[in-house]
PDB file of N, CA and C in Angstrom:
ATOM      1  N   MET A   1     -50.552 -36.361 -30.274  1.00  0.00           N
ATOM      2  CA  MET A   1     -49.425 -35.707 -29.697  1.00  0.00           C
ATOM      3  C   MET A   1     -48.172 -36.505 -30.048  1.00  0.00           C
ATOM      4  N   ALA A   2     -47.127 -35.808 -30.484  1.00  0.00           N
ATOM      5  CA  ALA A   2     -45.894 -36.467 -30.913  1.00  0.00           C
ATOM      6  C   ALA A   2     -45.025 -36.789 -29.705  1.00  0.00           C
ATOM      7  N   VAL A   3     -44.345 -37.897 -29.805  1.00  0.00           N
ATOM      8  CA  VAL A   3     -43.429 -38.312 -28.740  1.00  0.00           C
ATOM      9  C   VAL A   3     -42.023 -37.928 -29.167  1.00  0.00           C
ATOM     10  N   PHE A   4     -41.284 -37.294 -28.251  1.00  0.00           N
ATOM     11  CA  PHE A   4     -39.923 -36.885 -28.567  1.00  0.00           C
ATOM     12  C   PHE A   4     -38.994 -38.084 -28.461  1.00  0.00           C
ATOM     13  N   PRO A   5     -38.064 -38.195 -29.386  1.00  0.00           N
ATOM     14  CA  PRO A   5     -37.137 -39.334 -29.310  1.00  0.00           C
ATOM     15  C   PRO A   5     -36.185 -39.181 -28.121  1.00  0.00           C
ATOM     16  N   SER A   6     -35.696 -40.293 -27.598  1.00  0.00           N
ATOM     17  CA  SER A   6     -34.811 -40.248 -26.440  1.00  0.00           C
ATOM     18  C   SER A   6     -33.383 -39.895 -26.814  1.00  0.00           C
ATOM     19  N   LYS A   7     -33.006 -40.083 -28.069  1.00  0.00           N
ATOM     20  CA  LYS A   7     -31.664 -39.737 -28.504  1.00  0.00           C
ATOM     21  C   LYS A   7     -31.596 -38.248 -28.860  1.00  0.00           C
ATOM     22  N   LYS A   8     -30.472 -37.625 -28.528  1.00  0.00           N
ATOM     23  CA  LYS A   8     -30.273 -36.221 -28.898  1.00  0.00           C
ATOM     24  C   LYS A   8     -29.907 -36.141 -30.362  1.00  0.00           C
ATOM     25  N   PHE A   9     -30.300 -35.047 -30.984  1.00  0.00           N
ATOM     26  CA  PHE A   9     -29.983 -34.850 -32.393  1.00  0.00           C
ATOM     27  C   PHE A   9     -28.556 -34.336 -32.510  1.00  0.00           C
ATOM     28  N   ARG A  10     -27.719 -35.050 -33.197  1.00  0.00           N
ATOM     29  CA  ARG A  10     -26.322 -34.656 -33.372  1.00  0.00           C
ATOM     30  C   ARG A  10     -26.041 -34.175 -34.788  1.00  0.00           C
ATOM     31  N   GLY A  11     -27.017 -34.129 -35.618  1.00  0.00           N
ATOM     32  CA  GLY A  11     -26.788 -33.721 -36.999  1.00  0.00           C
ATOM     33  C   GLY A  11     -26.475 -34.937 -37.845  1.00  0.00           C
ATOM     34  N   THR A  12     -26.537 -34.739 -39.105  1.00  0.00           N
ATOM     35  CA  THR A  12     -26.267 -35.856 -40.019  1.00  0.00           C
ATOM     36  C   THR A  12     -25.162 -35.476 -40.959  1.00  0.00           C
ATOM     37  N   GLY A  13     -24.432 -36.422 -41.393  1.00  0.00           N
ATOM     38  CA  GLY A  13     -23.416 -36.193 -42.412  1.00  0.00           C
ATOM     39  C   GLY A  13     -22.069 -35.834 -41.829  1.00  0.00           C
ATOM     40  N   PRO A  14     -21.087 -35.755 -42.704  1.00  0.00           N
ATOM     41  CA  PRO A  14     -19.721 -35.474 -42.261  1.00  0.00           C
ATOM     42  C   PRO A  14     -19.525 -34.025 -41.806  1.00  0.00           C
ATOM     43  N   ALA A  15     -20.362 -33.091 -42.258  1.00  0.00           N
ATOM     44  CA  ALA A  15     -20.218 -31.680 -41.884  1.00  0.00           C
ATOM     45  C   ALA A  15     -20.521 -31.470 -40.406  1.00  0.00           C
ATOM     46  N   ALA A  16     -21.465 -32.197 -39.843  1.00  0.00           N
ATOM     47  CA  ALA A  16     -21.844 -32.021 -38.443  1.00  0.00           C
ATOM     48  C   ALA A  16     -20.750 -32.536 -37.516  1.00  0.00           C
ATOM     49  N   SER A  17     -20.073 -33.602 -37.865  1.00  0.00           N
ATOM     50  CA  SER A  17     -19.047 -34.154 -36.990  1.00  0.00           C
ATOM     51  C   SER A  17     -17.729 -33.385 -37.092  1.00  0.00           C
ATOM     52  N   SER A  18     -17.541 -32.642 -38.158  1.00  0.00           N
ATOM     53  CA  SER A  18     -16.288 -31.910 -38.334  1.00  0.00           C
ATOM     54  C   SER A  18     -16.424 -30.428 -37.984  1.00  0.00           C
ATOM     55  N   SER A  19     -17.551 -29.997 -37.474  1.00  0.00           N
ATOM     56  CA  SER A  19     -17.711 -28.575 -37.148  1.00  0.00           C
ATOM     57  C   SER A  19     -16.867 -28.234 -35.912  1.00  0.00           C
ATOM     58  N   LEU A  20     -16.543 -26.988 -35.780  1.00  0.00           N
ATOM     59  CA  LEU A  20     -15.705 -26.512 -34.679  1.00  0.00           C
ATOM     60  C   LEU A  20     -16.377 -26.749 -33.328  1.00  0.00           C
ATOM     61  N   ALA A  21     -17.683 -26.500 -33.273  1.00  0.00           N
ATOM     62  CA  ALA A  21     -18.403 -26.669 -32.010  1.00  0.00           C
ATOM     63  C   ALA A  21     -18.409 -28.128 -31.562  1.00  0.00           C
ATOM     64  N   SER A  22     -18.610 -29.045 -32.470  1.00  0.00           N
ATOM     65  CA  SER A  22     -18.649 -30.456 -32.076  1.00  0.00           C
ATOM     66  C   SER A  22     -17.267 -30.939 -31.652  1.00  0.00           C
ATOM     67  N   ARG A  23     -16.218 -30.477 -32.325  1.00  0.00           N
ATOM     68  CA  ARG A  23     -14.864 -30.864 -31.907  1.00  0.00           C
ATOM     69  C   ARG A  23     -14.518 -30.264 -30.543  1.00  0.00           C
ATOM     70  N   TYR A  24     -14.946 -29.019 -30.302  1.00  0.00           N
ATOM     71  CA  TYR A  24     -14.690 -28.370 -29.002  1.00  0.00           C
ATOM     72  C   TYR A  24     -15.404 -29.117 -27.879  1.00  0.00           C
ATOM     73  N   ARG A  25     -16.666 -29.517 -28.125  1.00  0.00           N
ATOM     74  CA  ARG A  25     -17.412 -30.274 -27.112  1.00  0.00           C
ATOM     75  C   ARG A  25     -16.731 -31.598 -26.800  1.00  0.00           C
ATOM     76  N   ALA A  26     -16.227 -32.269 -27.788  1.00  0.00           N
ATOM     77  CA  ALA A  26     -15.569 -33.557 -27.577  1.00  0.00           C
ATOM     78  C   ALA A  26     -14.268 -33.384 -26.800  1.00  0.00           C
ATOM     79  N   MET A  27     -13.483 -32.355 -27.130  1.00  0.00           N
ATOM     80  CA  MET A  27     -12.231 -32.119 -26.410  1.00  0.00           C
ATOM     81  C   MET A  27     -12.494 -31.597 -25.001  1.00  0.00           C
ATOM     82  N   MET A  28     -13.581 -30.834 -24.820  1.00  0.00           N
ATOM     83  CA  MET A  28     -13.934 -30.288 -23.509  1.00  0.00           C
ATOM     84  C   MET A  28     -14.271 -31.411 -22.535  1.00  0.00           C
ATOM     85  N   ALA A  29     -14.881 -32.467 -23.023  1.00  0.00           N
ATOM     86  CA  ALA A  29     -15.205 -33.598 -22.162  1.00  0.00           C
ATOM     87  C   ALA A  29     -13.936 -34.295 -21.686  1.00  0.00           C
ATOM     88  N   LYS A  30     -12.895 -34.286 -22.514  1.00  0.00           N
ATOM     89  CA  LYS A  30     -11.645 -34.958 -22.141  1.00  0.00           C
ATOM     90  C   LYS A  30     -10.758 -34.096 -21.251  1.00  0.00           C
ATOM     91  N   ARG A  31     -10.615 -32.805 -21.583  1.00  0.00           N
ATOM     92  CA  ARG A  31      -9.713 -31.915 -20.845  1.00  0.00           C
ATOM     93  C   ARG A  31     -10.424 -30.606 -20.481  1.00  0.00           C
ATOM     94  N   PRO A  32     -11.255 -30.613 -19.439  1.00  0.00           N
ATOM     95  CA  PRO A  32     -12.008 -29.388 -19.116  1.00  0.00           C
ATOM     96  C   PRO A  32     -11.130 -28.252 -18.588  1.00  0.00           C
ATOM     97  N   PHE A  33     -10.084 -28.580 -17.806  1.00  0.00           N
ATOM     98  CA  PHE A  33      -9.241 -27.500 -17.279  1.00  0.00           C
ATOM     99  C   PHE A  33      -8.475 -26.802 -18.387  1.00  0.00           C
ATOM    100  N   LEU A  34      -7.931 -27.573 -19.300  1.00  0.00           N
ATOM    101  CA  LEU A  34      -7.119 -27.002 -20.366  1.00  0.00           C
ATOM    102  C   LEU A  34      -7.940 -26.094 -21.285  1.00  0.00           C
ATOM    103  N   LEU A  35      -9.198 -26.448 -21.524  1.00  0.00           N
ATOM    104  CA  LEU A  35     -10.005 -25.675 -22.466  1.00  0.00           C
ATOM    105  C   LEU A  35     -10.933 -24.656 -21.810  1.00  0.00           C
ATOM    106  N   PHE A  36     -11.149 -24.761 -20.492  1.00  0.00           N
ATOM    107  CA  PHE A  36     -12.003 -23.776 -19.836  1.00  0.00           C
ATOM    108  C   PHE A  36     -11.278 -23.089 -18.672  1.00  0.00           C
ATOM    109  N   GLY A  37     -10.697 -23.852 -17.780  1.00  0.00           N
ATOM    110  CA  GLY A  37     -10.072 -23.300 -16.578  1.00  0.00           C
ATOM    111  C   GLY A  37      -8.854 -22.452 -16.862  1.00  0.00           C
ATOM    112  N   LEU A  38      -7.970 -22.933 -17.694  1.00  0.00           N
ATOM    113  CA  LEU A  38      -6.745 -22.200 -18.013  1.00  0.00           C
ATOM    114  C   LEU A  38      -7.030 -20.871 -18.725  1.00  0.00           C
ATOM    115  N   PRO A  39      -7.889 -20.837 -19.739  1.00  0.00           N
ATOM    116  CA  PRO A  39      -8.206 -19.526 -20.341  1.00  0.00           C
ATOM    117  C   PRO A  39      -8.881 -18.566 -19.353  1.00  0.00           C
ATOM    118  N   PHE A  40      -9.712 -19.107 -18.473  1.00  0.00           N
ATOM    119  CA  PHE A  40     -10.376 -18.257 -17.485  1.00  0.00           C
ATOM    120  C   PHE A  40      -9.354 -17.624 -16.538  1.00  0.00           C
ATOM    121  N   MET A  41      -8.419 -18.430 -16.041  1.00  0.00           N
ATOM    122  CA  MET A  41      -7.388 -17.906 -15.146  1.00  0.00           C
ATOM    123  C   MET A  41      -6.481 -16.920 -15.876  1.00  0.00           C
ATOM    124  N   ALA A  42      -6.210 -17.160 -17.152  1.00  0.00           N
ATOM    125  CA  ALA A  42      -5.385 -16.241 -17.936  1.00  0.00           C
ATOM    126  C   ALA A  42      -6.077 -14.885 -18.085  1.00  0.00           C
ATOM    127  N   VAL A  43      -7.380 -14.892 -18.272  1.00  0.00           N
ATOM    128  CA  VAL A  43      -8.123 -13.631 -18.376  1.00  0.00           C
ATOM    129  C   VAL A  43      -8.084 -12.869 -17.054  1.00  0.00           C
ATOM    130  N   VAL A  44      -8.203 -13.590 -15.937  1.00  0.00           N
ATOM    131  CA  VAL A  44      -8.161 -12.927 -14.623  1.00  0.00           C
ATOM    132  C   VAL A  44      -6.797 -12.294 -14.380  1.00  0.00           C
ATOM    133  N   VAL A  45      -5.722 -13.020 -14.668  1.00  0.00           N
ATOM    134  CA  VAL A  45      -4.372 -12.480 -14.456  1.00  0.00           C
ATOM    135  C   VAL A  45      -4.099 -11.316 -15.407  1.00  0.00           C
ATOM    136  N   ALA A  46      -4.481 -11.450 -16.663  1.00  0.00           N
ATOM    137  CA  ALA A  46      -4.279 -10.358 -17.623  1.00  0.00           C
ATOM    138  C   ALA A  46      -5.090  -9.126 -17.220  1.00  0.00           C
ATOM    139  N   GLY A  47      -6.295  -9.340 -16.717  1.00  0.00           N
ATOM    140  CA  GLY A  47      -7.112  -8.212 -16.244  1.00  0.00           C
ATOM    141  C   GLY A  47      -6.456  -7.497 -15.084  1.00  0.00           C
ATOM    142  N   SER A  48      -5.793  -8.240 -14.217  1.00  0.00           N
ATOM    143  CA  SER A  48      -5.082  -7.626 -13.104  1.00  0.00           C
ATOM    144  C   SER A  48      -3.976  -6.706 -13.604  1.00  0.00           C
ATOM    145  N   PHE A  49      -3.223  -7.160 -14.595  1.00  0.00           N
ATOM    146  CA  PHE A  49      -2.151  -6.330 -15.134  1.00  0.00           C
ATOM    147  C   PHE A  49      -2.692  -5.122 -15.894  1.00  0.00           C
ATOM    148  N   VAL A  50      -3.831  -5.251 -16.512  1.00  0.00           N
ATOM    149  CA  VAL A  50      -4.420  -4.128 -17.247  1.00  0.00           C
ATOM    150  C   VAL A  50      -5.008  -3.100 -16.289  1.00  0.00           C
ATOM    151  N   LEU A  51      -5.638  -3.555 -15.210  1.00  0.00           N
ATOM    152  CA  LEU A  51      -6.305  -2.632 -14.293  1.00  0.00           C
ATOM    153  C   LEU A  51      -5.362  -1.940 -13.318  1.00  0.00           C
ATOM    154  N   THR A  52      -4.158  -2.472 -13.113  1.00  0.00           N
ATOM    155  CA  THR A  52      -3.215  -1.845 -12.188  1.00  0.00           C
ATOM    156  C   THR A  52      -2.843  -0.423 -12.621  1.00  0.00           C
ATOM    157  N   PRO A  53      -2.453  -0.173 -13.868  1.00  0.00           N
ATOM    158  CA  PRO A  53      -2.169   1.218 -14.261  1.00  0.00           C
ATOM    159  C   PRO A  53      -3.408   2.112 -14.207  1.00  0.00           C
ATOM    160  N   ALA A  54      -4.563   1.561 -14.507  1.00  0.00           N
ATOM    161  CA  ALA A  54      -5.783   2.370 -14.447  1.00  0.00           C
ATOM    162  C   ALA A  54      -6.054   2.815 -13.015  1.00  0.00           C
ATOM    163  N   THR A  55      -5.827   1.943 -12.059  1.00  0.00           N
ATOM    164  CA  THR A  55      -6.018   2.300 -10.656  1.00  0.00           C
ATOM    165  C   THR A  55      -4.985   3.338 -10.235  1.00  0.00           C
ATOM    166  N   ALA A  56      -3.756   3.188 -10.699  1.00  0.00           N
ATOM    167  CA  ALA A  56      -2.711   4.155 -10.364  1.00  0.00           C
ATOM    168  C   ALA A  56      -3.070   5.538 -10.893  1.00  0.00           C
ATOM    169  N   ILE A  57      -3.616   5.603 -12.088  1.00  0.00           N
ATOM    170  CA  ILE A  57      -4.039   6.893 -12.654  1.00  0.00           C
ATOM    171  C   ILE A  57      -5.119   7.519 -11.786  1.00  0.00           C
ATOM    172  N   ARG A  58      -6.025   6.696 -11.296  1.00  0.00           N
ATOM    173  CA  ARG A  58      -7.113   7.208 -10.448  1.00  0.00           C
ATOM    174  C   ARG A  58      -6.550   7.843  -9.174  1.00  0.00           C
ATOM    175  N   TYR A  59      -5.605   7.159  -8.511  1.00  0.00           N
ATOM    176  CA  TYR A  59      -5.051   7.698  -7.272  1.00  0.00           C
ATOM    177  C   TYR A  59      -4.145   8.899  -7.527  1.00  0.00           C
ATOM    178  N   GLU A  60      -3.448   8.939  -8.642  1.00  0.00           N
ATOM    179  CA  GLU A  60      -2.640  10.107  -8.980  1.00  0.00           C
ATOM    180  C   GLU A  60      -3.518  11.331  -9.209  1.00  0.00           C
ATOM    181  N   LYS A  61      -4.656  11.140  -9.839  1.00  0.00           N
ATOM    182  CA  LYS A  61      -5.589  12.246 -10.061  1.00  0.00           C
ATOM    183  C   LYS A  61      -6.112  12.765  -8.728  1.00  0.00           C
ATOM    184  N   HIS A  62      -6.411  11.849  -7.816  1.00  0.00           N
ATOM    185  CA  HIS A  62      -6.883  12.253  -6.484  1.00  0.00           C
ATOM    186  C   HIS A  62      -5.781  13.003  -5.731  1.00  0.00           C
ATOM    187  N   ASP A  63      -4.539  12.553  -5.851  1.00  0.00           N
ATOM    188  CA  ASP A  63      -3.431  13.211  -5.164  1.00  0.00           C
ATOM    189  C   ASP A  63      -3.167  14.608  -5.702  1.00  0.00           C
ATOM    190  N   ARG A  64      -3.430  14.824  -6.983  1.00  0.00           N
ATOM    191  CA  ARG A  64      -3.252  16.160  -7.540  1.00  0.00           C
ATOM    192  C   ARG A  64      -4.259  17.135  -6.945  1.00  0.00           C
ATOM    193  N   LYS A  65      -5.487  16.649  -6.676  1.00  0.00           N
ATOM    194  CA  LYS A  65      -6.510  17.522  -6.106  1.00  0.00           C
ATOM    195  C   LYS A  65      -6.269  17.779  -4.621  1.00  0.00           C
ATOM    196  N   VAL A  66      -5.894  16.734  -3.887  1.00  0.00           N
ATOM    197  CA  VAL A  66      -5.711  16.846  -2.445  1.00  0.00           C
ATOM    198  C   VAL A  66      -4.225  16.665  -2.163  1.00  0.00           C
ATOM    199  N   ARG A  67      -3.578  17.740  -1.770  1.00  0.00           N
ATOM    200  CA  ARG A  67      -2.144  17.642  -1.495  1.00  0.00           C
ATOM    201  C   ARG A  67      -1.846  18.313  -0.161  1.00  0.00           C
ATOM    202  N   GLN A  68      -0.685  18.006   0.389  1.00  0.00           N
ATOM    203  CA  GLN A  68      -0.303  18.561   1.672  1.00  0.00           C
ATOM    204  C   GLN A  68       0.175  19.994   1.483  1.00  0.00           C
ATOM    205  N   MET A  69      -0.234  20.864   2.408  1.00  0.00           N
ATOM    206  CA  MET A  69       0.140  22.267   2.314  1.00  0.00           C
ATOM    207  C   MET A  69       1.491  22.494   2.978  1.00  0.00           C
ATOM    208  N   THR A  70       2.237  23.437   2.444  1.00  0.00           N
ATOM    209  CA  THR A  70       3.504  23.807   3.072  1.00  0.00           C
ATOM    210  C   THR A  70       3.228  24.714   4.260  1.00  0.00           C
ATOM    211  N   ARG A  71       4.252  24.948   5.061  1.00  0.00           N
ATOM    212  CA  ARG A  71       4.100  25.783   6.258  1.00  0.00           C
ATOM    213  C   ARG A  71       3.691  27.209   5.880  1.00  0.00           C
ATOM    214  N   ASP A  72       4.282  27.748   4.837  1.00  0.00           N
ATOM    215  CA  ASP A  72       3.936  29.108   4.418  1.00  0.00           C
ATOM    216  C   ASP A  72       2.491  29.193   3.940  1.00  0.00           C
ATOM    217  N   GLU A  73       2.015  28.164   3.239  1.00  0.00           N
ATOM    218  CA  GLU A  73       0.628  28.169   2.782  1.00  0.00           C
ATOM    219  C   GLU A  73      -0.336  28.070   3.953  1.00  0.00           C
ATOM    220  N   GLU A  74       0.037  27.294   4.990  1.00  0.00           N
ATOM    221  CA  GLU A  74      -0.820  27.179   6.168  1.00  0.00           C
ATOM    222  C   GLU A  74      -0.988  28.530   6.846  1.00  0.00           C
ATOM    223  N   LEU A  75       0.090  29.278   6.964  1.00  0.00           N
ATOM    224  CA  LEU A  75       0.019  30.575   7.639  1.00  0.00           C
ATOM    225  C   LEU A  75      -0.758  31.596   6.818  1.00  0.00           C
ATOM    226  N   GLY A  76      -0.776  31.431   5.508  1.00  0.00           N
ATOM    227  CA  GLY A  76      -1.435  32.405   4.657  1.00  0.00           C
ATOM    228  C   GLY A  76      -2.888  32.105   4.370  1.00  0.00           C
ATOM    229  N   VAL A  77      -3.393  30.928   4.772  1.00  0.00           N
ATOM    230  CA  VAL A  77      -4.765  30.558   4.455  1.00  0.00           C
ATOM    231  C   VAL A  77      -5.739  31.406   5.266  1.00  0.00           C
ATOM    232  N   GLY A  78      -6.689  32.004   4.598  1.00  0.00           N
ATOM    233  CA  GLY A  78      -7.749  32.756   5.265  1.00  0.00           C
ATOM    234  C   GLY A  78      -7.315  34.106   5.789  1.00  0.00           C
ATOM    235  N   LYS A  79      -6.117  34.528   5.493  1.00  0.00           N
ATOM    236  CA  LYS A  79      -5.656  35.825   5.982  1.00  0.00           C
ATOM    237  C   LYS A  79      -5.233  36.674   4.799  1.00  0.00           C
ATOM    238  N   ALA A  80      -5.682  37.893   4.807  1.00  0.00           N
ATOM    239  CA  ALA A  80      -5.282  38.802   3.738  1.00  0.00           C
ATOM    240  C   ALA A  80      -4.221  39.763   4.244  1.00  0.00           C
ATOM    241  N   GLY A  81      -3.722  39.529   5.456  1.00  0.00           N
ATOM    242  CA  GLY A  81      -2.743  40.422   6.081  1.00  0.00           C
ATOM    243  C   GLY A  81      -1.343  40.178   5.584  1.00  0.00           C
ATOM    244  N   ARG A  82      -0.399  40.609   6.393  1.00  0.00           N
ATOM    245  CA  ARG A  82       1.007  40.511   5.990  1.00  0.00           C
ATOM    246  C   ARG A  82       1.497  39.078   6.094  1.00  0.00           C
ATOM    247  N   ARG A  83       2.596  38.814   5.393  1.00  0.00           N
ATOM    248  CA  ARG A  83       3.218  37.488   5.466  1.00  0.00           C
ATOM    249  C   ARG A  83       3.935  37.362   6.799  1.00  0.00           C
ATOM    250  N   VAL A  84       3.951  36.158   7.339  1.00  0.00           N
ATOM    251  CA  VAL A  84       4.534  35.922   8.650  1.00  0.00           C
ATOM    252  C   VAL A  84       5.878  35.224   8.473  1.00  0.00           C
ATOM    253  N   ASP A  85       6.882  35.775   9.137  1.00  0.00           N
ATOM    254  CA  ASP A  85       8.200  35.158   9.173  1.00  0.00           C
ATOM    255  C   ASP A  85       8.500  34.847  10.633  1.00  0.00           C
ATOM    256  N   MET A  86       8.892  33.608  10.915  1.00  0.00           N
ATOM    257  CA  MET A  86       9.070  33.184  12.303  1.00  0.00           C
ATOM    258  C   MET A  86      10.191  33.963  13.002  1.00  0.00           C
ATOM    259  N   LYS A  87      11.294  34.230  12.309  1.00  0.00           N
ATOM    260  CA  LYS A  87      12.388  34.985  12.930  1.00  0.00           C
ATOM    261  C   LYS A  87      11.955  36.409  13.239  1.00  0.00           C
ATOM    262  N   GLU A  88      11.238  37.008  12.317  1.00  0.00           N
ATOM    263  CA  GLU A  88      10.764  38.378  12.536  1.00  0.00           C
ATOM    264  C   GLU A  88       9.810  38.442  13.726  1.00  0.00           C
ATOM    265  N   GLU A  89       8.929  37.474  13.851  1.00  0.00           N
ATOM    266  CA  GLU A  89       7.995  37.447  14.978  1.00  0.00           C
ATOM    267  C   GLU A  89       8.737  37.266  16.298  1.00  0.00           C
ATOM    268  N   TYR A  90       9.774  36.448  16.309  1.00  0.00           N
ATOM    269  CA  TYR A  90      10.552  36.230  17.529  1.00  0.00           C
ATOM    270  C   TYR A  90      11.200  37.533  17.990  1.00  0.00           C
ATOM    271  N   TYR A  91      11.842  38.222  17.058  1.00  0.00           N
ATOM    272  CA  TYR A  91      12.503  39.477  17.438  1.00  0.00           C
ATOM    273  C   TYR A  91      11.493  40.558  17.776  1.00  0.00           C
ATOM    274  N   ARG A  92      10.345  40.572  17.141  1.00  0.00           N
ATOM    275  CA  ARG A  92       9.329  41.568  17.447  1.00  0.00           C
ATOM    276  C   ARG A  92       8.781  41.366  18.855  1.00  0.00           C
ATOM    277  N   LEU A  93       8.564  40.114  19.240  1.00  0.00           N
ATOM    278  CA  LEU A  93       8.032  39.841  20.565  1.00  0.00           C
ATOM    279  C   LEU A  93       9.091  39.993  21.655  1.00  0.00           C
ATOM    280  N   SER A  94      10.337  39.666  21.355  1.00  0.00           N
ATOM    281  CA  SER A  94      11.382  39.780  22.368  1.00  0.00           C
ATOM    282  C   SER A  94      11.797  41.233  22.570  1.00  0.00           C
ATOM    283  N   ALA A  95      11.476  42.110  21.651  1.00  0.00           N
ATOM    284  CA  ALA A  95      11.827  43.519  21.794  1.00  0.00           C
ATOM    285  C   ALA A  95      10.924  44.220  22.813  1.00  0.00           C
ATOM    286  N   LYS A  96       9.775  43.644  23.120  1.00  0.00           N
ATOM    287  CA  LYS A  96       8.884  44.261  24.108  1.00  0.00           C
ATOM    288  C   LYS A  96       9.510  44.115  25.491  1.00  0.00           C
ATOM    289  N   ASP A  97       9.104  44.945  26.387  1.00  0.00           N
ATOM    290  CA  ASP A  97       9.641  44.919  27.747  1.00  0.00           C
ATOM    291  C   ASP A  97       8.941  43.805  28.521  1.00  0.00           C
ATOM    292  N   LEU A  98       9.627  42.685  28.687  1.00  0.00           N
ATOM    293  CA  LEU A  98       9.026  41.543  29.351  1.00  0.00           C
ATOM    294  C   LEU A  98       9.207  41.575  30.873  1.00  0.00           C
ATOM    295  N   ASP A  99      10.008  42.521  31.379  1.00  0.00           N
ATOM    296  CA  ASP A  99      10.219  42.585  32.829  1.00  0.00           C
ATOM    297  C   ASP A  99       9.136  43.377  33.537  1.00  0.00           C
ATOM    298  N   ASN A 100       8.491  44.294  32.885  1.00  0.00           N
ATOM    299  CA  ASN A 100       7.474  45.140  33.513  1.00  0.00           C
ATOM    300  C   ASN A 100       6.092  44.748  33.004  1.00  0.00           C
ATOM    301  N   TRP A 101       5.512  43.768  33.626  1.00  0.00           N
ATOM    302  CA  TRP A 101       4.168  43.367  33.257  1.00  0.00           C
ATOM    303  C   TRP A 101       3.370  43.148  34.516  1.00  0.00           C
ATOM    304  N   GLU A 102       2.086  43.220  34.409  1.00  0.00           N
ATOM    305  CA  GLU A 102       1.209  43.106  35.569  1.00  0.00           C
ATOM    306  C   GLU A 102       0.137  42.057  35.268  1.00  0.00           C
ATOM    307  N   GLN A 103      -0.074  41.162  36.238  1.00  0.00           N
ATOM    308  CA  GLN A 103      -1.096  40.134  36.063  1.00  0.00           C
ATOM    309  C   GLN A 103      -2.450  40.719  36.455  1.00  0.00           C
ATOM    310  N   LYS A 104      -3.430  40.568  35.586  1.00  0.00           N
ATOM    311  CA  LYS A 104      -4.761  41.117  35.845  1.00  0.00           C
ATOM    312  C   LYS A 104      -5.767  39.970  35.792  1.00  0.00           C
ATOM    313  N   ARG A 105      -6.655  39.965  36.760  1.00  0.00           N
ATOM    314  CA  ARG A 105      -7.694  38.944  36.789  1.00  0.00           C
ATOM    315  C   ARG A 105      -8.818  39.317  35.821  1.00  0.00           C
ATOM    316  N   VAL A 106      -9.391  38.303  35.228  1.00  0.00           N
ATOM    317  CA  VAL A 106     -10.500  38.509  34.323  1.00  0.00           C
ATOM    318  C   VAL A 106     -11.763  38.640  35.153  1.00  0.00           C
ATOM    319  N   LYS A 107     -12.606  39.614  34.816  1.00  0.00           N
ATOM    320  CA  LYS A 107     -13.839  39.815  35.552  1.00  0.00           C
ATOM    321  C   LYS A 107     -14.772  38.635  35.286  1.00  0.00           C
ATOM    322  N   ARG A 108     -15.299  38.050  36.351  1.00  0.00           N
ATOM    323  CA  ARG A 108     -16.172  36.882  36.248  1.00  0.00           C
ATOM    324  C   ARG A 108     -17.625  37.316  36.116  1.00  0.00           C
ATOM    325  N   LEU A 109     -18.437  36.432  35.540  1.00  0.00           N
ATOM    326  CA  LEU A 109     -19.867  36.694  35.444  1.00  0.00           C
ATOM    327  C   LEU A 109     -20.513  36.492  36.803  1.00  0.00           C
ATOM    328  N   ALA A 110     -21.668  37.012  36.962  1.00  0.00           N
ATOM    329  CA  ALA A 110     -22.383  36.899  38.255  1.00  0.00           C
ATOM    330  C   ALA A 110     -22.704  35.436  38.522  1.00  0.00           C
ATOM    331  N   GLY A 111     -22.355  34.949  39.711  1.00  0.00           N
ATOM    332  CA  GLY A 111     -22.632  33.586  40.091  1.00  0.00           C
ATOM    333  C   GLY A 111     -21.583  32.591  39.662  1.00  0.00           C
ATOM    334  N   GLU A 112     -20.589  33.037  38.927  1.00  0.00           N
ATOM    335  CA  GLU A 112     -19.544  32.127  38.467  1.00  0.00           C
ATOM    336  C   GLU A 112     -18.442  32.052  39.532  1.00  0.00           C
ATOM    337  N   ASN A 113     -17.890  30.865  39.721  1.00  0.00           N
ATOM    338  CA  ASN A 113     -16.836  30.649  40.706  1.00  0.00           C
ATOM    339  C   ASN A 113     -15.579  31.339  40.215  1.00  0.00           C
ATOM    340  N   ASP A 114     -14.966  32.152  41.098  1.00  0.00           N
ATOM    341  CA  ASP A 114     -13.781  32.884  40.685  1.00  0.00           C
ATOM    342  C   ASP A 114     -12.485  32.154  41.022  1.00  0.00           C
ATOM    343  N   GLY A 115     -12.567  31.013  41.688  1.00  0.00           N
ATOM    344  CA  GLY A 115     -11.378  30.215  41.963  1.00  0.00           C
ATOM    345  C   GLY A 115     -10.626  30.626  43.209  1.00  0.00           C
ATOM    346  N   ILE A 116     -11.114  31.609  43.962  1.00  0.00           N
ATOM    347  CA  ILE A 116     -10.454  32.030  45.202  1.00  0.00           C
ATOM    348  C   ILE A 116     -11.009  31.181  46.336  1.00  0.00           C
ATOM    349  N   LEU A 117     -10.090  30.611  47.135  1.00  0.00           N
ATOM    350  CA  LEU A 117     -10.522  29.775  48.250  1.00  0.00           C
ATOM    351  C   LEU A 117     -10.940  30.566  49.432  1.00  0.00           C
TER     352      LEU A 117
END
């Protein structure tokens, strides 16, 4: 059975010491924030600026589907009848004879309290 050497293999010759990976590892040991932390934070901040318009588009699309109804649309929903005008309804109701009216009690069901003391 072969015994593994205790030293790590770093390559041989001038090509191994001048490679990009070996230079990056050496600089990373000296300045970890500059070579790892700063690029990471830059990606997070840049992602925030990129995703903000995408989120705005999402909410604008939702707002186009769900919008507030106007008063006229509310009155017309579910009715196939005539259009309602508030002034016309006021004059139509005030034209009735409001002085001659009679109060009538609603017939109660059997066993129901009629409210008379």
